[in-house]
Amino acid sequence: MTTATSPRAWTASRRSRHKGSILIRRLVYVAFFLEVGLLLIVVPWSAFWDRNYFAATWPALRPFLANNFVRGGVTGLGVVNLVAGFADLALIFSVRERGDASRRPTA
């Protein structure tokens, strides 16, 4: 029986592909949180926020959206998203480092 067709090699290959897909999925998740966080931090203080579709459609909503406390709250949500993204990124790196350290020979 050759190594390429043995059940152990097939299982190990499948396991490594599964780990790779989990890593990619988690990195996409991190990228999403970082992008949303940056947008929520920048957009409330830009001119785009003042030319909002909803504020133009419902004029009663304009004073609420122009309130600096609302803008600060949206920015705070952006900071929370950034922290969550960086925390998950740090978790990914720490797990990978622990996995690399366990594979190294100790002798």
C-alpha atoms as a PDB file:
ATOM      1  CA  MET A   1       0.000   0.000   0.000  1.00  0.00           C
ATOM      2  CA  THR A   2       1.433   3.395  -0.944  1.00  0.00           C
ATOM      3  CA  THR A   3       1.473   6.408   1.309  1.00  0.00           C
ATOM      4  CA  ALA A   4      -0.724   8.488  -0.993  1.00  0.00           C
ATOM      5  CA  THR A   5      -3.570   5.982  -0.878  1.00  0.00           C
ATOM      6  CA  SER A   6      -3.317   4.870   2.723  1.00  0.00           C
ATOM      7  CA  PRO A   7      -6.228   5.779   5.007  1.00  0.00           C
ATOM      8  CA  ARG A   8      -3.903   7.619   7.402  1.00  0.00           C
ATOM      9  CA  ALA A   9      -2.524   9.876   4.659  1.00  0.00           C
ATOM     10  CA  TRP A  10      -6.008  10.544   3.360  1.00  0.00           C
ATOM     11  CA  THR A  11      -7.294  11.422   6.845  1.00  0.00           C
ATOM     12  CA  ALA A  12      -4.294  13.657   7.580  1.00  0.00           C
ATOM     13  CA  SER A  13      -4.736  15.444   4.251  1.00  0.00           C
ATOM     14  CA  ARG A  14      -8.420  15.955   4.884  1.00  0.00           C
ATOM     15  CA  ARG A  15      -7.723  17.214   8.417  1.00  0.00           C
ATOM     16  CA  SER A  16      -5.136  19.750   7.190  1.00  0.00           C
ATOM     17  CA  ARG A  17      -7.545  21.019   4.501  1.00  0.00           C
ATOM     18  CA  HIS A  18     -10.247  21.400   7.136  1.00  0.00           C
ATOM     19  CA  LYS A  19      -7.882  23.374   9.389  1.00  0.00           C
ATOM     20  CA  GLY A  20      -6.959  25.571   6.417  1.00  0.00           C
ATOM     21  CA  SER A  21     -10.597  26.311   5.628  1.00  0.00           C
ATOM     22  CA  ILE A  22     -11.260  27.175   9.276  1.00  0.00           C
ATOM     23  CA  LEU A  23      -8.277  29.550   9.256  1.00  0.00           C
ATOM     24  CA  ILE A  24      -9.479  31.265   6.084  1.00  0.00           C
ATOM     25  CA  ARG A  25     -12.996  31.550   7.495  1.00  0.00           C
ATOM     26  CA  ARG A  26     -11.683  33.128  10.695  1.00  0.00           C
ATOM     27  CA  LEU A  27      -9.460  35.551   8.754  1.00  0.00           C
ATOM     28  CA  VAL A  28     -12.457  36.645   6.648  1.00  0.00           C
ATOM     29  CA  TYR A  29     -14.373  37.128   9.899  1.00  0.00           C
ATOM     30  CA  VAL A  30     -11.529  39.284  11.272  1.00  0.00           C
ATOM     31  CA  ALA A  31     -11.353  41.318   8.046  1.00  0.00           C
ATOM     32  CA  PHE A  32     -15.113  41.930   8.233  1.00  0.00           C
ATOM     33  CA  PHE A  33     -14.928  43.183  11.819  1.00  0.00           C
ATOM     34  CA  LEU A  34     -11.949  45.435  11.076  1.00  0.00           C
ATOM     35  CA  GLU A  35     -13.615  46.949   8.003  1.00  0.00           C
ATOM     36  CA  VAL A  36     -16.936  47.528   9.753  1.00  0.00           C
ATOM     37  CA  GLY A  37     -15.118  49.011  12.736  1.00  0.00           C
ATOM     38  CA  LEU A  38     -13.169  51.445  10.596  1.00  0.00           C
ATOM     39  CA  LEU A  39     -16.292  52.472   8.704  1.00  0.00           C
ATOM     40  CA  LEU A  40     -18.254  53.044  11.896  1.00  0.00           C
ATOM     41  CA  ILE A  41     -15.439  55.184  13.257  1.00  0.00           C
ATOM     42  CA  VAL A  42     -14.921  57.344  10.161  1.00  0.00           C
ATOM     43  CA  VAL A  43     -18.355  57.694   8.517  1.00  0.00           C
ATOM     44  CA  PRO A  44     -20.237  59.540  11.312  1.00  0.00           C
ATOM     45  CA  TRP A  45     -17.724  62.387  11.129  1.00  0.00           C
ATOM     46  CA  SER A  46     -17.599  62.642   7.321  1.00  0.00           C
ATOM     47  CA  ALA A  47     -19.714  64.625   4.879  1.00  0.00           C
ATOM     48  CA  PHE A  48     -21.308  61.342   3.788  1.00  0.00           C
ATOM     49  CA  TRP A  49     -23.136  61.207   7.125  1.00  0.00           C
ATOM     50  CA  ASP A  50     -24.604  64.683   6.563  1.00  0.00           C
ATOM     51  CA  ARG A  51     -25.892  63.731   3.107  1.00  0.00           C
ATOM     52  CA  ASN A  52     -27.646  60.652   4.430  1.00  0.00           C
ATOM     53  CA  TYR A  53     -30.499  59.102   2.416  1.00  0.00           C
ATOM     54  CA  PHE A  54     -32.611  58.540   5.526  1.00  0.00           C
ATOM     55  CA  ALA A  55     -32.167  62.115   6.731  1.00  0.00           C
ATOM     56  CA  ALA A  56     -33.273  63.396   3.337  1.00  0.00           C
ATOM     57  CA  THR A  57     -36.273  61.056   3.214  1.00  0.00           C
ATOM     58  CA  TRP A  58     -37.419  61.714   6.791  1.00  0.00           C
ATOM     59  CA  PRO A  59     -36.585  65.314   7.746  1.00  0.00           C
ATOM     60  CA  ALA A  60     -37.566  64.685  11.370  1.00  0.00           C
ATOM     61  CA  LEU A  61     -34.649  62.251  11.618  1.00  0.00           C
ATOM     62  CA  ARG A  62     -32.044  64.868  10.620  1.00  0.00           C
ATOM     63  CA  PRO A  63     -31.603  66.473  14.096  1.00  0.00           C
ATOM     64  CA  PHE A  64     -31.171  63.031  15.655  1.00  0.00           C
ATOM     65  CA  LEU A  65     -28.511  61.994  13.126  1.00  0.00           C
ATOM     66  CA  ALA A  66     -26.728  65.342  13.415  1.00  0.00           C
ATOM     67  CA  ASN A  67     -26.471  64.994  17.192  1.00  0.00           C
ATOM     68  CA  ASN A  68     -22.850  64.549  18.262  1.00  0.00           C
ATOM     69  CA  PHE A  69     -23.848  62.038  20.930  1.00  0.00           C
ATOM     70  CA  VAL A  70     -25.367  59.776  18.266  1.00  0.00           C
ATOM     71  CA  ARG A  71     -22.229  60.140  16.166  1.00  0.00           C
ATOM     72  CA  GLY A  72     -20.125  59.295  19.215  1.00  0.00           C
ATOM     73  CA  GLY A  73     -22.272  56.243  19.930  1.00  0.00           C
ATOM     74  CA  VAL A  74     -21.812  54.950  16.392  1.00  0.00           C
ATOM     75  CA  THR A  75     -18.078  55.602  16.696  1.00  0.00           C
ATOM     76  CA  GLY A  76     -18.077  53.659  19.978  1.00  0.00           C
ATOM     77  CA  LEU A  77     -19.648  50.691  18.186  1.00  0.00           C
ATOM     78  CA  GLY A  78     -16.854  50.972  15.642  1.00  0.00           C
ATOM     79  CA  VAL A  79     -14.264  50.810  18.401  1.00  0.00           C
ATOM     80  CA  VAL A  80     -15.971  47.705  19.811  1.00  0.00           C
ATOM     81  CA  ASN A  81     -15.815  46.088  16.361  1.00  0.00           C
ATOM     82  CA  LEU A  82     -12.126  46.929  16.009  1.00  0.00           C
ATOM     83  CA  VAL A  83     -11.332  45.494  19.436  1.00  0.00           C
ATOM     84  CA  ALA A  84     -13.270  42.314  18.602  1.00  0.00           C
ATOM     85  CA  GLY A  85     -11.418  41.960  15.304  1.00  0.00           C
ATOM     86  CA  PHE A  86      -7.988  42.472  16.851  1.00  0.00           C
ATOM     87  CA  ALA A  87      -8.825  40.137  19.744  1.00  0.00           C
ATOM     88  CA  ASP A  88      -9.833  37.391  17.345  1.00  0.00           C
ATOM     89  CA  LEU A  89      -6.704  38.007  15.264  1.00  0.00           C
ATOM     90  CA  ALA A  90      -4.543  37.707  18.384  1.00  0.00           C
ATOM     91  CA  LEU A  91      -6.353  34.480  19.265  1.00  0.00           C
ATOM     92  CA  ILE A  92      -5.640  33.061  15.805  1.00  0.00           C
ATOM     93  CA  PHE A  93      -1.937  33.868  16.113  1.00  0.00           C
ATOM     94  CA  SER A  94      -1.655  32.508  19.650  1.00  0.00           C
ATOM     95  CA  VAL A  95      -3.314  29.218  18.692  1.00  0.00           C
ATOM     96  CA  ARG A  96      -1.038  28.860  15.680  1.00  0.00           C
ATOM     97  CA  GLU A  97       2.055  29.593  17.801  1.00  0.00           C
ATOM     98  CA  ARG A  98       1.013  26.994  20.377  1.00  0.00           C
ATOM     99  CA  GLY A  99       0.424  24.485  17.585  1.00  0.00           C
ATOM    100  CA  ASP A 100       3.852  25.213  16.059  1.00  0.00           C
ATOM    101  CA  ALA A 101       5.538  24.886  19.446  1.00  0.00           C
ATOM    102  CA  SER A 102       3.953  21.484  20.078  1.00  0.00           C
ATOM    103  CA  ARG A 103       5.211  20.153  16.730  1.00  0.00           C
ATOM    104  CA  ARG A 104       8.840  21.149  17.347  1.00  0.00           C
ATOM    105  CA  PRO A 105      11.197  18.396  18.495  1.00  0.00           C
ATOM    106  CA  THR A 106      12.228  18.810  22.123  1.00  0.00           C
ATOM    107  CA  ALA A 107      15.440  16.786  21.997  1.00  0.00           C
END
